[in-house]
PDB file of N, CA and C in Angstrom:
ATOM      1  N   MET A   1       2.727  14.520   0.185  1.00  0.00           N
ATOM      2  CA  MET A   1       2.258  15.274   1.330  1.00  0.00           C
ATOM      3  C   MET A   1       3.188  14.992   2.502  1.00  0.00           C
ATOM      4  N   ASN A   2       3.396  15.992   3.286  1.00  0.00           N
ATOM      5  CA  ASN A   2       4.230  15.857   4.477  1.00  0.00           C
ATOM      6  C   ASN A   2       3.427  16.295   5.684  1.00  0.00           C
ATOM      7  N   GLY A   3       3.619  15.631   6.773  1.00  0.00           N
ATOM      8  CA  GLY A   3       2.964  15.995   8.019  1.00  0.00           C
ATOM      9  C   GLY A   3       3.710  15.367   9.174  1.00  0.00           C
ATOM     10  N   GLY A   4       3.438  15.849  10.367  1.00  0.00           N
ATOM     11  CA  GLY A   4       4.145  15.388  11.546  1.00  0.00           C
ATOM     12  C   GLY A   4       4.033  13.903  11.815  1.00  0.00           C
ATOM     13  N   ASN A   5       2.892  13.302  11.450  1.00  0.00           N
ATOM     14  CA  ASN A   5       2.697  11.877  11.730  1.00  0.00           C
ATOM     15  C   ASN A   5       2.939  10.976  10.525  1.00  0.00           C
ATOM     16  N   ILE A   6       3.221  11.555   9.379  1.00  0.00           N
ATOM     17  CA  ILE A   6       3.496  10.733   8.212  1.00  0.00           C
ATOM     18  C   ILE A   6       4.921  10.218   8.321  1.00  0.00           C
ATOM     19  N   PRO A   7       5.080   8.890   8.276  1.00  0.00           N
ATOM     20  CA  PRO A   7       6.439   8.352   8.387  1.00  0.00           C
ATOM     21  C   PRO A   7       7.302   8.801   7.210  1.00  0.00           C
ATOM     22  N   LYS A   8       8.565   9.017   7.490  1.00  0.00           N
ATOM     23  CA  LYS A   8       9.519   9.391   6.447  1.00  0.00           C
ATOM     24  C   LYS A   8       9.729   8.190   5.541  1.00  0.00           C
ATOM     25  N   SER A   9       9.777   8.435   4.243  1.00  0.00           N
ATOM     26  CA  SER A   9      10.030   7.333   3.315  1.00  0.00           C
ATOM     27  C   SER A   9      11.488   6.906   3.409  1.00  0.00           C
ATOM     28  N   ASN A  10      11.727   5.648   3.103  1.00  0.00           N
ATOM     29  CA  ASN A  10      13.081   5.100   3.177  1.00  0.00           C
ATOM     30  C   ASN A  10      13.757   5.048   1.809  1.00  0.00           C
ATOM     31  N   GLY A  11      13.158   5.681   0.833  1.00  0.00           N
ATOM     32  CA  GLY A  11      13.721   5.673  -0.508  1.00  0.00           C
ATOM     33  C   GLY A  11      13.273   6.900  -1.269  1.00  0.00           C
ATOM     34  N   HIS A  12      13.449   6.866  -2.561  1.00  0.00           N
ATOM     35  CA  HIS A  12      13.107   8.001  -3.410  1.00  0.00           C
ATOM     36  C   HIS A  12      11.639   7.907  -3.844  1.00  0.00           C
ATOM     37  N   TYR A  13      10.747   8.163  -2.912  1.00  0.00           N
ATOM     38  CA  TYR A  13       9.308   8.131  -3.168  1.00  0.00           C
ATOM     39  C   TYR A  13       8.593   8.937  -2.088  1.00  0.00           C
ATOM     40  N   SER A  14       7.338   9.271  -2.362  1.00  0.00           N
ATOM     41  CA  SER A  14       6.483   9.956  -1.392  1.00  0.00           C
ATOM     42  C   SER A  14       5.589   8.921  -0.724  1.00  0.00           C
ATOM     43  N   GLN A  15       5.301   9.130   0.545  1.00  0.00           N
ATOM     44  CA  GLN A  15       4.368   8.243   1.235  1.00  0.00           C
ATOM     45  C   GLN A  15       2.945   8.445   0.717  1.00  0.00           C
ATOM     46  N   CYS A  16       2.629   9.693   0.344  1.00  0.00           N
ATOM     47  CA  CYS A  16       1.277  10.000  -0.104  1.00  0.00           C
ATOM     48  C   CYS A  16       1.319  11.236  -1.009  1.00  0.00           C
ATOM     49  N   ILE A  17       0.564  11.164  -2.084  1.00  0.00           N
ATOM     50  CA  ILE A  17       0.407  12.315  -2.971  1.00  0.00           C
ATOM     51  C   ILE A  17      -1.082  12.555  -3.150  1.00  0.00           C
ATOM     52  N   GLU A  18      -1.483  13.815  -3.069  1.00  0.00           N
ATOM     53  CA  GLU A  18      -2.873  14.203  -3.310  1.00  0.00           C
ATOM     54  C   GLU A  18      -2.979  14.798  -4.696  1.00  0.00           C
ATOM     55  N   HIS A  19      -4.007  14.384  -5.434  1.00  0.00           N
ATOM     56  CA  HIS A  19      -4.280  14.961  -6.751  1.00  0.00           C
ATOM     57  C   HIS A  19      -5.790  15.026  -6.940  1.00  0.00           C
ATOM     58  N   ASN A  20      -6.311  16.231  -7.105  1.00  0.00           N
ATOM     59  CA  ASN A  20      -7.749  16.440  -7.326  1.00  0.00           C
ATOM     60  C   ASN A  20      -8.618  15.761  -6.263  1.00  0.00           C
ATOM     61  N   GLY A  21      -8.198  15.855  -5.016  1.00  0.00           N
ATOM     62  CA  GLY A  21      -8.988  15.310  -3.914  1.00  0.00           C
ATOM     63  C   GLY A  21      -8.825  13.819  -3.687  1.00  0.00           C
ATOM     64  N   ILE A  22      -7.922  13.198  -4.430  1.00  0.00           N
ATOM     65  CA  ILE A  22      -7.665  11.769  -4.242  1.00  0.00           C
ATOM     66  C   ILE A  22      -6.268  11.591  -3.669  1.00  0.00           C
ATOM     67  N   LEU A  23      -6.167  10.736  -2.656  1.00  0.00           N
ATOM     68  CA  LEU A  23      -4.889  10.415  -2.022  1.00  0.00           C
ATOM     69  C   LEU A  23      -4.381   9.089  -2.560  1.00  0.00           C
ATOM     70  N   TYR A  24      -3.128   9.088  -2.976  1.00  0.00           N
ATOM     71  CA  TYR A  24      -2.467   7.882  -3.447  1.00  0.00           C
ATOM     72  C   TYR A  24      -1.376   7.544  -2.438  1.00  0.00           C
ATOM     73  N   LEU A  25      -1.559   6.444  -1.713  1.00  0.00           N
ATOM     74  CA  LEU A  25      -0.602   6.054  -0.682  1.00  0.00           C
ATOM     75  C   LEU A  25       0.360   5.004  -1.217  1.00  0.00           C
ATOM     76  N   SER A  26       1.627   5.192  -0.918  1.00  0.00           N
ATOM     77  CA  SER A  26       2.631   4.181  -1.258  1.00  0.00           C
ATOM     78  C   SER A  26       2.381   2.926  -0.441  1.00  0.00           C
ATOM     79  N   GLY A  27       2.922   1.818  -0.918  1.00  0.00           N
ATOM     80  CA  GLY A  27       2.804   0.571  -0.175  1.00  0.00           C
ATOM     81  C   GLY A  27       3.398   0.719   1.217  1.00  0.00           C
ATOM     82  N   GLN A  28       2.661   0.217   2.194  1.00  0.00           N
ATOM     83  CA  GLN A  28       3.089   0.293   3.592  1.00  0.00           C
ATOM     84  C   GLN A  28       3.494  -1.089   4.079  1.00  0.00           C
ATOM     85  N   LEU A  29       4.716  -1.158   4.547  1.00  0.00           N
ATOM     86  CA  LEU A  29       5.205  -2.385   5.165  1.00  0.00           C
ATOM     87  C   LEU A  29       4.833  -2.388   6.646  1.00  0.00           C
ATOM     88  N   PRO A  30       4.831  -3.544   7.278  1.00  0.00           N
ATOM     89  CA  PRO A  30       4.471  -3.636   8.698  1.00  0.00           C
ATOM     90  C   PRO A  30       5.649  -3.329   9.618  1.00  0.00           C
ATOM     91  N   ILE A  31       6.140  -2.114   9.526  1.00  0.00           N
ATOM     92  CA  ILE A  31       7.278  -1.697  10.344  1.00  0.00           C
ATOM     93  C   ILE A  31       6.784  -0.742  11.420  1.00  0.00           C
ATOM     94  N   ASP A  32       7.073  -1.057  12.672  1.00  0.00           N
ATOM     95  CA  ASP A  32       6.722  -0.163  13.771  1.00  0.00           C
ATOM     96  C   ASP A  32       7.526   1.128  13.627  1.00  0.00           C
ATOM     97  N   ARG A  33       6.842   2.265  13.607  1.00  0.00           N
ATOM     98  CA  ARG A  33       7.498   3.551  13.354  1.00  0.00           C
ATOM     99  C   ARG A  33       8.502   3.929  14.431  1.00  0.00           C
ATOM    100  N   LYS A  34       8.290   3.475  15.656  1.00  0.00           N
ATOM    101  CA  LYS A  34       9.195   3.856  16.744  1.00  0.00           C
ATOM    102  C   LYS A  34      10.348   2.867  16.917  1.00  0.00           C
ATOM    103  N   THR A  35      10.032   1.574  16.906  1.00  0.00           N
ATOM    104  CA  THR A  35      11.056   0.565  17.181  1.00  0.00           C
ATOM    105  C   THR A  35      11.724   0.032  15.915  1.00  0.00           C
ATOM    106  N   ARG A  36      11.095   0.247  14.754  1.00  0.00           N
ATOM    107  CA  ARG A  36      11.562  -0.265  13.455  1.00  0.00           C
ATOM    108  C   ARG A  36      11.503  -1.796  13.402  1.00  0.00           C
ATOM    109  N   ILE A  37      10.720  -2.403  14.296  1.00  0.00           N
ATOM    110  CA  ILE A  37      10.581  -3.855  14.354  1.00  0.00           C
ATOM    111  C   ILE A  37       9.386  -4.293  13.499  1.00  0.00           C
ATOM    112  N   ILE A  38       9.543  -5.439  12.840  1.00  0.00           N
ATOM    113  CA  ILE A  38       8.464  -6.068  12.093  1.00  0.00           C
ATOM    114  C   ILE A  38       7.935  -7.221  12.939  1.00  0.00           C
ATOM    115  N   PRO A  39       6.640  -7.224  13.277  1.00  0.00           N
ATOM    116  CA  PRO A  39       6.097  -8.333  14.078  1.00  0.00           C
ATOM    117  C   PRO A  39       6.237  -9.669  13.347  1.00  0.00           C
ATOM    118  N   GLU A  40       6.053 -10.759  14.087  1.00  0.00           N
ATOM    119  CA  GLU A  40       6.249 -12.098  13.525  1.00  0.00           C
ATOM    120  C   GLU A  40       5.078 -12.598  12.692  1.00  0.00           C
ATOM    121  N   THR A  41       3.862 -12.498  13.203  1.00  0.00           N
ATOM    122  CA  THR A  41       2.730 -13.160  12.545  1.00  0.00           C
ATOM    123  C   THR A  41       2.112 -12.292  11.460  1.00  0.00           C
ATOM    124  N   ILE A  42       1.444 -12.959  10.521  1.00  0.00           N
ATOM    125  CA  ILE A  42       0.761 -12.231   9.451  1.00  0.00           C
ATOM    126  C   ILE A  42      -0.362 -11.360  10.018  1.00  0.00           C
ATOM    127  N   GLU A  43      -1.014 -11.816  11.066  1.00  0.00           N
ATOM    128  CA  GLU A  43      -2.082 -11.016  11.666  1.00  0.00           C
ATOM    129  C   GLU A  43      -1.528  -9.713  12.237  1.00  0.00           C
ATOM    130  N   GLU A  44      -0.438  -9.811  13.001  1.00  0.00           N
ATOM    131  CA  GLU A  44       0.185  -8.614  13.575  1.00  0.00           C
ATOM    132  C   GLU A  44       0.720  -7.697  12.480  1.00  0.00           C
ATOM    133  N   GLN A  45       1.305  -8.282  11.457  1.00  0.00           N
ATOM    134  CA  GLN A  45       1.852  -7.476  10.373  1.00  0.00           C
ATOM    135  C   GLN A  45       0.742  -6.772   9.595  1.00  0.00           C
ATOM    136  N   THR A  46      -0.361  -7.470   9.365  1.00  0.00           N
ATOM    137  CA  THR A  46      -1.489  -6.854   8.659  1.00  0.00           C
ATOM    138  C   THR A  46      -2.045  -5.692   9.473  1.00  0.00           C
ATOM    139  N   ASP A  47      -2.259  -5.901  10.762  1.00  0.00           N
ATOM    140  CA  ASP A  47      -2.775  -4.833  11.628  1.00  0.00           C
ATOM    141  C   ASP A  47      -1.842  -3.624  11.624  1.00  0.00           C
ATOM    142  N   LEU A  48      -0.542  -3.866  11.705  1.00  0.00           N
ATOM    143  CA  LEU A  48       0.417  -2.761  11.747  1.00  0.00           C
ATOM    144  C   LEU A  48       0.466  -2.007  10.419  1.00  0.00           C
ATOM    145  N   ALA A  49       0.435  -2.720   9.306  1.00  0.00           N
ATOM    146  CA  ALA A  49       0.418  -2.046   8.002  1.00  0.00           C
ATOM    147  C   ALA A  49      -0.833  -1.172   7.887  1.00  0.00           C
ATOM    148  N   PHE A  50      -1.973  -1.667   8.351  1.00  0.00           N
ATOM    149  CA  PHE A  50      -3.193  -0.855   8.323  1.00  0.00           C
ATOM    150  C   PHE A  50      -3.108   0.328   9.291  1.00  0.00           C
ATOM    151  N   GLN A  51      -2.467   0.153  10.428  1.00  0.00           N
ATOM    152  CA  GLN A  51      -2.267   1.293  11.342  1.00  0.00           C
ATOM    153  C   GLN A  51      -1.436   2.371  10.658  1.00  0.00           C
ATOM    154  N   ASN A  52      -0.400   1.958   9.941  1.00  0.00           N
ATOM    155  CA  ASN A  52       0.435   2.928   9.221  1.00  0.00           C
ATOM    156  C   ASN A  52      -0.375   3.652   8.149  1.00  0.00           C
ATOM    157  N   ILE A  53      -1.242   2.926   7.449  1.00  0.00           N
ATOM    158  CA  ILE A  53      -2.111   3.546   6.449  1.00  0.00           C
ATOM    159  C   ILE A  53      -3.058   4.529   7.110  1.00  0.00           C
ATOM    160  N   GLU A  54      -3.666   4.126   8.214  1.00  0.00           N
ATOM    161  CA  GLU A  54      -4.620   5.006   8.893  1.00  0.00           C
ATOM    162  C   GLU A  54      -3.946   6.280   9.394  1.00  0.00           C
ATOM    163  N   THR A  55      -2.727   6.177   9.890  1.00  0.00           N
ATOM    164  CA  THR A  55      -1.978   7.352  10.336  1.00  0.00           C
ATOM    165  C   THR A  55      -1.814   8.345   9.190  1.00  0.00           C
ATOM    166  N   ILE A  56      -1.426   7.850   8.029  1.00  0.00           N
ATOM    167  CA  ILE A  56      -1.243   8.726   6.869  1.00  0.00           C
ATOM    168  C   ILE A  56      -2.578   9.327   6.439  1.00  0.00           C
ATOM    169  N   LEU A  57      -3.620   8.511   6.374  1.00  0.00           N
ATOM    170  CA  LEU A  57      -4.935   9.019   5.976  1.00  0.00           C
ATOM    171  C   LEU A  57      -5.414  10.138   6.886  1.00  0.00           C
ATOM    172  N   LEU A  58      -5.313   9.930   8.192  1.00  0.00           N
ATOM    173  CA  LEU A  58      -5.769  10.941   9.145  1.00  0.00           C
ATOM    174  C   LEU A  58      -4.952  12.218   9.027  1.00  0.00           C
ATOM    175  N   GLU A  59      -3.665  12.089   8.853  1.00  0.00           N
ATOM    176  CA  GLU A  59      -2.787  13.253   8.704  1.00  0.00           C
ATOM    177  C   GLU A  59      -3.144  14.059   7.451  1.00  0.00           C
ATOM    178  N   CYS A  60      -3.653  13.375   6.451  1.00  0.00           N
ATOM    179  CA  CYS A  60      -3.990  14.017   5.174  1.00  0.00           C
ATOM    180  C   CYS A  60      -5.451  14.431   5.080  1.00  0.00           C
ATOM    181  N   GLY A  61      -6.191  14.310   6.178  1.00  0.00           N
ATOM    182  CA  GLY A  61      -7.584  14.755   6.189  1.00  0.00           C
ATOM    183  C   GLY A  61      -8.568  13.738   5.646  1.00  0.00           C
ATOM    184  N   SER A  62      -8.243  12.468   5.769  1.00  0.00           N
ATOM    185  CA  SER A  62      -9.125  11.414   5.295  1.00  0.00           C
ATOM    186  C   SER A  62      -9.306  10.385   6.412  1.00  0.00           C
ATOM    187  N   SER A  63      -9.847   9.242   6.067  1.00  0.00           N
ATOM    188  CA  SER A  63     -10.024   8.156   7.037  1.00  0.00           C
ATOM    189  C   SER A  63     -10.164   6.840   6.297  1.00  0.00           C
ATOM    190  N   LYS A  64     -10.181   5.757   7.059  1.00  0.00           N
ATOM    191  CA  LYS A  64     -10.308   4.442   6.438  1.00  0.00           C
ATOM    192  C   LYS A  64     -11.642   4.278   5.720  1.00  0.00           C
ATOM    193  N   ASN A  65     -12.649   5.017   6.138  1.00  0.00           N
ATOM    194  CA  ASN A  65     -13.952   4.940   5.483  1.00  0.00           C
ATOM    195  C   ASN A  65     -13.992   5.702   4.161  1.00  0.00           C
ATOM    196  N   GLN A  66     -12.917   6.388   3.825  1.00  0.00           N
ATOM    197  CA  GLN A  66     -12.808   7.122   2.559  1.00  0.00           C
ATOM    198  C   GLN A  66     -11.914   6.379   1.563  1.00  0.00           C
ATOM    199  N   VAL A  67     -11.465   5.187   1.934  1.00  0.00           N
ATOM    200  CA  VAL A  67     -10.603   4.408   1.052  1.00  0.00           C
ATOM    201  C   VAL A  67     -11.451   3.847  -0.095  1.00  0.00           C
ATOM    202  N   LEU A  68     -10.939   4.033  -1.313  1.00  0.00           N
ATOM    203  CA  LEU A  68     -11.617   3.546  -2.505  1.00  0.00           C
ATOM    204  C   LEU A  68     -11.091   2.190  -2.960  1.00  0.00           C
ATOM    205  N   GLN A  69      -9.764   2.039  -2.916  1.00  0.00           N
ATOM    206  CA  GLN A  69      -9.134   0.843  -3.453  1.00  0.00           C
ATOM    207  C   GLN A  69      -7.943   0.443  -2.589  1.00  0.00           C
ATOM    208  N   VAL A  70      -7.751  -0.855  -2.454  1.00  0.00           N
ATOM    209  CA  VAL A  70      -6.624  -1.402  -1.690  1.00  0.00           C
ATOM    210  C   VAL A  70      -5.964  -2.502  -2.515  1.00  0.00           C
ATOM    211  N   ARG A  71      -4.637  -2.489  -2.509  1.00  0.00           N
ATOM    212  CA  ARG A  71      -3.860  -3.554  -3.126  1.00  0.00           C
ATOM    213  C   ARG A  71      -2.979  -4.167  -2.040  1.00  0.00           C
ATOM    214  N   VAL A  72      -3.104  -5.467  -1.889  1.00  0.00           N
ATOM    215  CA  VAL A  72      -2.393  -6.190  -0.837  1.00  0.00           C
ATOM    216  C   VAL A  72      -1.427  -7.167  -1.499  1.00  0.00           C
ATOM    217  N   TYR A  73      -0.178  -7.109  -1.096  1.00  0.00           N
ATOM    218  CA  TYR A  73       0.847  -8.004  -1.621  1.00  0.00           C
ATOM    219  C   TYR A  73       1.284  -8.951  -0.505  1.00  0.00           C
ATOM    220  N   ILE A  74       1.254 -10.249  -0.804  1.00  0.00           N
ATOM    221  CA  ILE A  74       1.673 -11.263   0.159  1.00  0.00           C
ATOM    222  C   ILE A  74       2.589 -12.266  -0.552  1.00  0.00           C
ATOM    223  N   PRO A  75       3.573 -12.831   0.152  1.00  0.00           N
ATOM    224  CA  PRO A  75       4.498 -13.757  -0.497  1.00  0.00           C
ATOM    225  C   PRO A  75       3.974 -15.188  -0.624  1.00  0.00           C
ATOM    226  N   ASP A  76       2.811 -15.460  -0.032  1.00  0.00           N
ATOM    227  CA  ASP A  76       2.278 -16.823  -0.038  1.00  0.00           C
ATOM    228  C   ASP A  76       0.759 -16.760  -0.030  1.00  0.00           C
ATOM    229  N   ILE A  77       0.117 -17.320  -1.043  1.00  0.00           N
ATOM    230  CA  ILE A  77      -1.345 -17.273  -1.151  1.00  0.00           C
ATOM    231  C   ILE A  77      -2.026 -17.963   0.029  1.00  0.00           C
ATOM    232  N   ASP A  78      -1.313 -18.852   0.731  1.00  0.00           N
ATOM    233  CA  ASP A  78      -1.887 -19.501   1.912  1.00  0.00           C
ATOM    234  C   ASP A  78      -2.177 -18.512   3.042  1.00  0.00           C
ATOM    235  N   LEU A  79      -1.645 -17.301   2.962  1.00  0.00           N
ATOM    236  CA  LEU A  79      -1.907 -16.263   3.972  1.00  0.00           C
ATOM    237  C   LEU A  79      -3.224 -15.531   3.710  1.00  0.00           C
ATOM    238  N   TRP A  80      -3.843 -15.780   2.573  1.00  0.00           N
ATOM    239  CA  TRP A  80      -5.028 -15.034   2.131  1.00  0.00           C
ATOM    240  C   TRP A  80      -6.127 -14.982   3.183  1.00  0.00           C
ATOM    241  N   ASP A  81      -6.523 -16.120   3.745  1.00  0.00           N
ATOM    242  CA  ASP A  81      -7.631 -16.148   4.704  1.00  0.00           C
ATOM    243  C   ASP A  81      -7.341 -15.308   5.944  1.00  0.00           C
ATOM    244  N   LYS A  82      -6.127 -15.400   6.469  1.00  0.00           N
ATOM    245  CA  LYS A  82      -5.777 -14.629   7.664  1.00  0.00           C
ATOM    246  C   LYS A  82      -5.752 -13.131   7.352  1.00  0.00           C
ATOM    247  N   VAL A  83      -5.221 -12.779   6.185  1.00  0.00           N
ATOM    248  CA  VAL A  83      -5.207 -11.372   5.776  1.00  0.00           C
ATOM    249  C   VAL A  83      -6.637 -10.870   5.593  1.00  0.00           C
ATOM    250  N   ASN A  84      -7.477 -11.672   4.952  1.00  0.00           N
ATOM    251  CA  ASN A  84      -8.867 -11.282   4.733  1.00  0.00           C
ATOM    252  C   ASN A  84      -9.591 -11.024   6.053  1.00  0.00           C
ATOM    253  N   ASP A  85      -9.345 -11.851   7.058  1.00  0.00           N
ATOM    254  CA  ASP A  85      -9.972 -11.651   8.372  1.00  0.00           C
ATOM    255  C   ASP A  85      -9.547 -10.321   8.995  1.00  0.00           C
ATOM    256  N   ARG A  86      -8.250  -9.999   8.961  1.00  0.00           N
ATOM    257  CA  ARG A  86      -7.756  -8.744   9.546  1.00  0.00           C
ATOM    258  C   ARG A  86      -8.227  -7.542   8.726  1.00  0.00           C
ATOM    259  N   TYR A  87      -8.309  -7.716   7.406  1.00  0.00           N
ATOM    260  CA  TYR A  87      -8.825  -6.682   6.502  1.00  0.00           C
ATOM    261  C   TYR A  87     -10.272  -6.341   6.888  1.00  0.00           C
ATOM    262  N   ALA A  88     -11.105  -7.377   7.041  1.00  0.00           N
ATOM    263  CA  ALA A  88     -12.512  -7.179   7.417  1.00  0.00           C
ATOM    264  C   ALA A  88     -12.617  -6.514   8.789  1.00  0.00           C
ATOM    265  N   HIS A  89     -11.762  -6.900   9.705  1.00  0.00           N
ATOM    266  CA  HIS A  89     -11.765  -6.286  11.039  1.00  0.00           C
ATOM    267  C   HIS A  89     -11.420  -4.794  10.941  1.00  0.00           C
ATOM    268  N   PHE A  90     -10.431  -4.460  10.145  1.00  0.00           N
ATOM    269  CA  PHE A  90     -10.013  -3.065  10.010  1.00  0.00           C
ATOM    270  C   PHE A  90     -11.104  -2.211   9.371  1.00  0.00           C
ATOM    271  N   PHE A  91     -11.692  -2.664   8.282  1.00  0.00           N
ATOM    272  CA  PHE A  91     -12.654  -1.837   7.555  1.00  0.00           C
ATOM    273  C   PHE A  91     -14.080  -1.949   8.069  1.00  0.00           C
ATOM    274  N   GLY A  92     -14.425  -3.005   8.782  1.00  0.00           N
ATOM    275  CA  GLY A  92     -15.793  -3.141   9.280  1.00  0.00           C
ATOM    276  C   GLY A  92     -16.785  -3.217   8.127  1.00  0.00           C
ATOM    277  N   PHE A  93     -17.811  -2.345   8.161  1.00  0.00           N
ATOM    278  CA  PHE A  93     -18.850  -2.365   7.138  1.00  0.00           C
ATOM    279  C   PHE A  93     -18.413  -1.737   5.816  1.00  0.00           C
ATOM    280  N   HIS A  94     -17.354  -0.942   5.838  1.00  0.00           N
ATOM    281  CA  HIS A  94     -16.851  -0.309   4.612  1.00  0.00           C
ATOM    282  C   HIS A  94     -16.125  -1.357   3.766  1.00  0.00           C
ATOM    283  N   LYS A  95     -16.425  -1.403   2.483  1.00  0.00           N
ATOM    284  CA  LYS A  95     -15.833  -2.411   1.606  1.00  0.00           C
ATOM    285  C   LYS A  95     -15.222  -1.760   0.368  1.00  0.00           C
ATOM    286  N   PRO A  96     -13.958  -1.288   0.475  1.00  0.00           N
ATOM    287  CA  PRO A  96     -13.290  -0.758  -0.712  1.00  0.00           C
ATOM    288  C   PRO A  96     -13.049  -1.877  -1.726  1.00  0.00           C
ATOM    289  N   VAL A  97     -12.856  -1.507  -2.987  1.00  0.00           N
ATOM    290  CA  VAL A  97     -12.448  -2.522  -3.953  1.00  0.00           C
ATOM    291  C   VAL A  97     -11.037  -2.969  -3.585  1.00  0.00           C
ATOM    292  N   ARG A  98     -10.698  -4.205  -3.949  1.00  0.00           N
ATOM    293  CA  ARG A  98      -9.429  -4.753  -3.466  1.00  0.00           C
ATOM    294  C   ARG A  98      -8.918  -5.844  -4.387  1.00  0.00           C
ATOM    295  N   CYS A  99      -7.622  -5.990  -4.384  1.00  0.00           N
ATOM    296  CA  CYS A  99      -7.020  -7.188  -4.947  1.00  0.00           C
ATOM    297  C   CYS A  99      -5.912  -7.633  -3.993  1.00  0.00           C
ATOM    298  N   ILE A 100      -5.739  -8.943  -3.902  1.00  0.00           N
ATOM    299  CA  ILE A 100      -4.638  -9.519  -3.138  1.00  0.00           C
ATOM    300  C   ILE A 100      -3.732 -10.203  -4.148  1.00  0.00           C
ATOM    301  N   ILE A 101      -2.480  -9.799  -4.146  1.00  0.00           N
ATOM    302  CA  ILE A 101      -1.532 -10.259  -5.153  1.00  0.00           C
ATOM    303  C   ILE A 101      -0.452 -11.109  -4.489  1.00  0.00           C
ATOM    304  N   PRO A 102      -0.406 -12.397  -4.822  1.00  0.00           N
ATOM    305  CA  PRO A 102       0.694 -13.208  -4.313  1.00  0.00           C
ATOM    306  C   PRO A 102       1.976 -12.847  -5.082  1.00  0.00           C
ATOM    307  N   THR A 103       3.022 -12.624  -4.351  1.00  0.00           N
ATOM    308  CA  THR A 103       4.292 -12.217  -4.951  1.00  0.00           C
ATOM    309  C   THR A 103       5.375 -13.184  -4.508  1.00  0.00           C
ATOM    310  N   ARG A 104       6.557 -12.822  -4.798  1.00  0.00           N
ATOM    311  CA  ARG A 104       7.695 -13.520  -4.202  1.00  0.00           C
ATOM    312  C   ARG A 104       7.978 -12.831  -2.885  1.00  0.00           C
ATOM    313  N   GLU A 105       9.170 -12.943  -2.375  1.00  0.00           N
ATOM    314  CA  GLU A 105       9.498 -12.340  -1.086  1.00  0.00           C
ATOM    315  C   GLU A 105       9.350 -10.813  -1.149  1.00  0.00           C
ATOM    316  N   LEU A 106       8.997 -10.245   0.005  1.00  0.00           N
ATOM    317  CA  LEU A 106       8.834  -8.799   0.142  1.00  0.00           C
ATOM    318  C   LEU A 106      10.030  -8.217   0.890  1.00  0.00           C
ATOM    319  N   HIS A 107      10.178  -6.909   0.793  1.00  0.00           N
ATOM    320  CA  HIS A 107      11.310  -6.206   1.399  1.00  0.00           C
ATOM    321  C   HIS A 107      11.393  -6.482   2.908  1.00  0.00           C
ATOM    322  N   LEU A 108      12.591  -6.679   3.384  1.00  0.00           N
ATOM    323  CA  LEU A 108      12.904  -6.889   4.803  1.00  0.00           C
ATOM    324  C   LEU A 108      12.247  -8.145   5.382  1.00  0.00           C
ATOM    325  N   GLY A 109      11.840  -9.073   4.527  1.00  0.00           N
ATOM    326  CA  GLY A 109      11.212 -10.298   5.007  1.00  0.00           C
ATOM    327  C   GLY A 109       9.773 -10.124   5.448  1.00  0.00           C
ATOM    328  N   SER A 110       9.173  -8.997   5.109  1.00  0.00           N
ATOM    329  CA  SER A 110       7.773  -8.751   5.475  1.00  0.00           C
ATOM    330  C   SER A 110       6.866  -9.787   4.840  1.00  0.00           C
ATOM    331  N   LEU A 111       5.747 -10.055   5.496  1.00  0.00           N
ATOM    332  CA  LEU A 111       4.746 -10.974   4.968  1.00  0.00           C
ATOM    333  C   LEU A 111       3.626 -10.247   4.245  1.00  0.00           C
ATOM    334  N   ILE A 112       3.655  -8.899   4.272  1.00  0.00           N
ATOM    335  CA  ILE A 112       2.581  -8.129   3.647  1.00  0.00           C
ATOM    336  C   ILE A 112       3.069  -6.715   3.321  1.00  0.00           C
ATOM    337  N   GLU A 113       2.517  -6.173   2.253  1.00  0.00           N
ATOM    338  CA  GLU A 113       2.659  -4.758   1.915  1.00  0.00           C
ATOM    339  C   GLU A 113       1.304  -4.317   1.388  1.00  0.00           C
ATOM    340  N   ILE A 114       0.830  -3.154   1.833  1.00  0.00           N
ATOM    341  CA  ILE A 114      -0.506  -2.687   1.466  1.00  0.00           C
ATOM    342  C   ILE A 114      -0.418  -1.272   0.927  1.00  0.00           C
ATOM    343  N   GLU A 115      -1.043  -1.040  -0.236  1.00  0.00           N
ATOM    344  CA  GLU A 115      -1.161   0.316  -0.760  1.00  0.00           C
ATOM    345  C   GLU A 115      -2.630   0.639  -0.911  1.00  0.00           C
ATOM    346  N   ALA A 116      -2.948   1.930  -0.898  1.00  0.00           N
ATOM    347  CA  ALA A 116      -4.353   2.335  -0.920  1.00  0.00           C
ATOM    348  C   ALA A 116      -4.531   3.644  -1.680  1.00  0.00           C
ATOM    349  N   THR A 117      -5.765   3.825  -2.147  1.00  0.00           N
ATOM    350  CA  THR A 117      -6.209   5.063  -2.767  1.00  0.00           C
ATOM    351  C   THR A 117      -7.451   5.503  -2.000  1.00  0.00           C
ATOM    352  N   ALA A 118      -7.520   6.783  -1.640  1.00  0.00           N
ATOM    353  CA  ALA A 118      -8.638   7.276  -0.844  1.00  0.00           C
ATOM    354  C   ALA A 118      -9.015   8.680  -1.307  1.00  0.00           C
ATOM    355  N   ILE A 119     -10.166   9.135  -0.868  1.00  0.00           N
ATOM    356  CA  ILE A 119     -10.571  10.513  -1.123  1.00  0.00           C
ATOM    357  C   ILE A 119     -10.411  11.316   0.162  1.00  0.00           C
ATOM    358  N   ILE A 120     -10.248  12.607  -0.003  1.00  0.00           N
ATOM    359  CA  ILE A 120     -10.214  13.489   1.160  1.00  0.00           C
ATOM    360  C   ILE A 120     -11.646  13.803   1.532  1.00  0.00           C
ATOM    361  N   LYS A 121     -11.944  13.825   2.817  1.00  0.00           N
ATOM    362  CA  LYS A 121     -13.307  14.078   3.290  1.00  0.00           C
ATOM    363  C   LYS A 121     -13.850  15.371   2.722  1.00  0.00           C
TER     364      LYS A 121
END
C-alpha cells in the first residue's frame, strides 16, 4: 500500500500489504522520518517505532486497536521490561498477541524492530 504518510521503504520490500482485510506491516525501525535520526534510549526507540506503525495503520484505514499480532525484535533480552512498559503504554487496554524475540544486532544499531498484523476497520 502506498500513501502520503507511509514512509518509503529503504529496500526491496513494501511497508504494508493488505490482503482480505488484513494489513501486514514490515518491521519498523526507530528512525525519525524527517531527521533520519535514531534516538538513544530503548524507551525512545520503542515509542518511535510504534509511532511509525501507527502512521502506517492510520494511512491504511486502521488503528492500533485493530492490531492482531506484534513481533518485537531486540538485541538484548535485558531490554524486555522496558520494552514491555512502553508496549503497554502504547496499546493501553488493547492486548494483541505478541512475541519478543532476542536477536543479535539490528540494522543501523537500532535497539528494536517491530512488525505487526492488523485488520482494517
